[in-house]
Amino acid sequence: MVNQLGQQEDFVTLSEREREVMQCIARGLSSKQCAVELGIAPRTVERHVENLRNKLNARNKPHLVAKALSGGHI
């Protein structure tokens, strides 16, 4: 069953904005710093992070970055 979950994560697609937010996270930027860079509200960044965590089944930001890297999303 673990393999099935891993396979499902391989088929996850991220929007362009989600990829941009993911790159900010991977660079260690805060939500506020990412928001300024992307020209969006910090709450919007946090919403994208939550969506990313749900899509990639990640527990926290470091886990999210690790899964995004291993899945080829960044």
N, C-alpha and C. Protein backbone atom coordinates (compact mmCIF):
# COMPACT_ATOMS: atom_id res chain seq x y z
N MET A 1 0.82 -1.19 0.00
CA MET A 1 0.00 0.00 0.00
C MET A 1 0.86 1.26 0.00
N VAL A 2 2.02 1.23 0.63
CA VAL A 2 2.91 2.38 0.63
C VAL A 2 3.33 2.72 -0.79
N ASN A 3 3.58 1.69 -1.61
CA ASN A 3 3.97 1.93 -2.99
C ASN A 3 2.88 2.65 -3.77
N GLN A 4 1.62 2.29 -3.50
CA GLN A 4 0.52 2.95 -4.20
C GLN A 4 0.48 4.43 -3.85
N LEU A 5 0.71 4.77 -2.59
CA LEU A 5 0.73 6.18 -2.20
C LEU A 5 1.86 6.91 -2.89
N GLY A 6 3.02 6.31 -2.92
CA GLY A 6 4.16 6.92 -3.59
C GLY A 6 3.91 7.13 -5.07
N GLN A 7 3.25 6.15 -5.69
CA GLN A 7 2.95 6.26 -7.11
C GLN A 7 1.95 7.38 -7.36
N GLN A 8 0.99 7.56 -6.47
CA GLN A 8 0.03 8.64 -6.64
C GLN A 8 0.73 9.99 -6.58
N GLU A 9 1.72 10.13 -5.71
CA GLU A 9 2.44 11.39 -5.59
C GLU A 9 3.25 11.69 -6.85
N ASP A 10 3.65 10.66 -7.59
CA ASP A 10 4.39 10.88 -8.82
C ASP A 10 3.54 11.59 -9.87
N PHE A 11 2.23 11.48 -9.77
CA PHE A 11 1.33 12.05 -10.77
C PHE A 11 0.76 13.40 -10.36
N VAL A 12 1.24 13.94 -9.26
CA VAL A 12 0.77 15.24 -8.79
C VAL A 12 1.28 16.32 -9.73
N THR A 13 0.38 17.22 -10.11
CA THR A 13 0.81 18.36 -10.92
C THR A 13 0.63 19.62 -10.09
N LEU A 14 1.59 20.50 -10.21
CA LEU A 14 1.56 21.77 -9.49
C LEU A 14 1.31 22.90 -10.47
N SER A 15 0.56 23.88 -10.01
CA SER A 15 0.34 25.06 -10.85
C SER A 15 1.63 25.87 -10.91
N GLU A 16 1.67 26.79 -11.83
CA GLU A 16 2.86 27.65 -11.97
C GLU A 16 3.10 28.42 -10.67
N ARG A 17 2.05 28.95 -10.07
CA ARG A 17 2.19 29.70 -8.82
C ARG A 17 2.65 28.79 -7.68
N GLU A 18 2.13 27.57 -7.63
CA GLU A 18 2.58 26.62 -6.61
C GLU A 18 4.07 26.33 -6.76
N ARG A 19 4.53 26.20 -7.99
CA ARG A 19 5.97 25.98 -8.22
C ARG A 19 6.79 27.18 -7.77
N GLU A 20 6.28 28.38 -8.03
CA GLU A 20 6.98 29.59 -7.59
C GLU A 20 7.06 29.66 -6.07
N VAL A 21 5.96 29.35 -5.40
CA VAL A 21 5.94 29.35 -3.94
C VAL A 21 6.88 28.26 -3.41
N MET A 22 6.87 27.11 -4.05
CA MET A 22 7.75 26.02 -3.64
C MET A 22 9.22 26.43 -3.75
N GLN A 23 9.57 27.15 -4.80
CA GLN A 23 10.95 27.61 -4.95
C GLN A 23 11.32 28.60 -3.85
N CYS A 24 10.38 29.45 -3.46
CA CYS A 24 10.63 30.37 -2.34
C CYS A 24 10.90 29.59 -1.06
N ILE A 25 10.08 28.60 -0.79
CA ILE A 25 10.23 27.78 0.41
C ILE A 25 11.58 27.07 0.39
N ALA A 26 11.92 26.52 -0.75
CA ALA A 26 13.19 25.79 -0.87
C ALA A 26 14.39 26.71 -0.65
N ARG A 27 14.23 28.01 -0.95
CA ARG A 27 15.30 28.99 -0.73
C ARG A 27 15.30 29.50 0.71
N GLY A 28 14.33 29.05 1.51
CA GLY A 28 14.28 29.44 2.91
C GLY A 28 13.58 30.74 3.20
N LEU A 29 12.82 31.25 2.24
CA LEU A 29 12.11 32.51 2.45
C LEU A 29 10.88 32.30 3.33
N SER A 30 10.55 33.30 4.11
CA SER A 30 9.32 33.27 4.91
C SER A 30 8.14 33.53 3.99
N SER A 31 6.94 33.32 4.50
CA SER A 31 5.73 33.61 3.72
C SER A 31 5.69 35.08 3.32
N LYS A 32 6.08 35.95 4.25
CA LYS A 32 6.06 37.38 3.96
C LYS A 32 7.07 37.74 2.87
N GLN A 33 8.28 37.19 2.97
CA GLN A 33 9.31 37.46 1.96
C GLN A 33 8.88 36.92 0.60
N CYS A 34 8.30 35.75 0.59
CA CYS A 34 7.82 35.15 -0.66
C CYS A 34 6.71 36.01 -1.25
N ALA A 35 5.82 36.48 -0.41
CA ALA A 35 4.71 37.31 -0.86
C ALA A 35 5.21 38.59 -1.53
N VAL A 36 6.19 39.22 -0.91
CA VAL A 36 6.76 40.45 -1.47
C VAL A 36 7.39 40.15 -2.83
N GLU A 37 8.14 39.06 -2.90
CA GLU A 37 8.81 38.69 -4.15
C GLU A 37 7.81 38.40 -5.27
N LEU A 38 6.71 37.73 -4.93
CA LEU A 38 5.74 37.33 -5.95
C LEU A 38 4.63 38.35 -6.15
N GLY A 39 4.56 39.37 -5.29
CA GLY A 39 3.54 40.40 -5.42
C GLY A 39 2.16 39.92 -5.02
N ILE A 40 2.10 39.04 -4.03
CA ILE A 40 0.81 38.54 -3.53
C ILE A 40 0.78 38.69 -2.01
N ALA A 41 -0.36 38.44 -1.41
CA ALA A 41 -0.51 38.58 0.04
C ALA A 41 0.13 37.39 0.77
N PRO A 42 0.69 37.64 1.96
CA PRO A 42 1.27 36.54 2.74
C PRO A 42 0.26 35.41 3.00
N ARG A 43 -0.99 35.76 3.21
CA ARG A 43 -2.01 34.73 3.44
C ARG A 43 -2.19 33.86 2.20
N THR A 44 -2.05 34.44 1.03
CA THR A 44 -2.15 33.67 -0.21
C THR A 44 -0.99 32.68 -0.31
N VAL A 45 0.20 33.12 0.08
CA VAL A 45 1.35 32.22 0.11
C VAL A 45 1.07 31.05 1.06
N GLU A 46 0.54 31.37 2.24
CA GLU A 46 0.24 30.32 3.22
C GLU A 46 -0.79 29.34 2.68
N ARG A 47 -1.75 29.84 1.93
CA ARG A 47 -2.76 28.96 1.32
C ARG A 47 -2.11 28.04 0.30
N HIS A 48 -1.20 28.58 -0.51
CA HIS A 48 -0.49 27.76 -1.48
C HIS A 48 0.35 26.69 -0.77
N VAL A 49 0.99 27.07 0.32
CA VAL A 49 1.79 26.10 1.08
C VAL A 49 0.90 24.99 1.60
N GLU A 50 -0.25 25.33 2.13
CA GLU A 50 -1.19 24.32 2.63
C GLU A 50 -1.64 23.40 1.49
N ASN A 51 -1.95 23.97 0.34
CA ASN A 51 -2.34 23.15 -0.81
C ASN A 51 -1.21 22.23 -1.23
N LEU A 52 0.01 22.75 -1.24
CA LEU A 52 1.17 21.93 -1.59
C LEU A 52 1.37 20.79 -0.60
N ARG A 53 1.23 21.10 0.69
CA ARG A 53 1.37 20.06 1.72
C ARG A 53 0.33 18.96 1.52
N ASN A 54 -0.88 19.35 1.19
CA ASN A 54 -1.94 18.36 0.95
C ASN A 54 -1.66 17.54 -0.31
N LYS A 55 -1.26 18.20 -1.38
CA LYS A 55 -1.00 17.50 -2.64
C LYS A 55 0.15 16.50 -2.50
N LEU A 56 1.20 16.91 -1.77
CA LEU A 56 2.40 16.06 -1.67
C LEU A 56 2.43 15.23 -0.39
N ASN A 57 1.37 15.35 0.41
CA ASN A 57 1.28 14.55 1.63
C ASN A 57 2.45 14.82 2.57
N ALA A 58 2.77 16.07 2.77
CA ALA A 58 3.92 16.46 3.59
C ALA A 58 3.47 16.94 4.97
N ARG A 59 4.29 16.64 5.98
CA ARG A 59 3.97 17.00 7.36
C ARG A 59 4.28 18.46 7.68
N ASN A 60 5.34 19.00 7.07
CA ASN A 60 5.79 20.36 7.38
C ASN A 60 6.60 20.88 6.19
N LYS A 61 7.10 22.09 6.29
CA LYS A 61 7.83 22.69 5.16
C LYS A 61 9.09 21.91 4.77
N PRO A 62 9.93 21.50 5.73
CA PRO A 62 11.11 20.73 5.31
C PRO A 62 10.74 19.43 4.60
N HIS A 63 9.71 18.77 5.11
CA HIS A 63 9.24 17.54 4.47
C HIS A 63 8.68 17.84 3.08
N LEU A 64 8.00 18.96 2.95
CA LEU A 64 7.46 19.39 1.67
C LEU A 64 8.56 19.60 0.65
N VAL A 65 9.62 20.29 1.05
CA VAL A 65 10.75 20.53 0.15
C VAL A 65 11.39 19.21 -0.26
N ALA A 66 11.58 18.31 0.70
CA ALA A 66 12.19 17.01 0.39
C ALA A 66 11.34 16.23 -0.60
N LYS A 67 10.03 16.22 -0.40
CA LYS A 67 9.15 15.49 -1.32
C LYS A 67 9.11 16.15 -2.69
N ALA A 68 9.13 17.47 -2.72
CA ALA A 68 9.13 18.18 -4.01
C ALA A 68 10.42 17.89 -4.78
N LEU A 69 11.53 17.85 -4.08
CA LEU A 69 12.80 17.53 -4.72
C LEU A 69 12.80 16.10 -5.25
N SER A 70 12.38 15.16 -4.42
CA SER A 70 12.40 13.77 -4.84
C SER A 70 11.39 13.49 -5.96
N GLY A 71 10.31 14.29 -5.99
CA GLY A 71 9.30 14.12 -7.04
C GLY A 71 9.59 14.91 -8.31
N GLY A 72 10.70 15.66 -8.31
CA GLY A 72 11.06 16.43 -9.50
C GLY A 72 10.23 17.68 -9.71
N HIS A 73 9.60 18.17 -8.66
CA HIS A 73 8.77 19.36 -8.79
C HIS A 73 9.58 20.65 -8.73
N ILE A 74 10.78 20.56 -8.16
CA ILE A 74 11.68 21.73 -8.13
C ILE A 74 13.08 21.25 -8.43
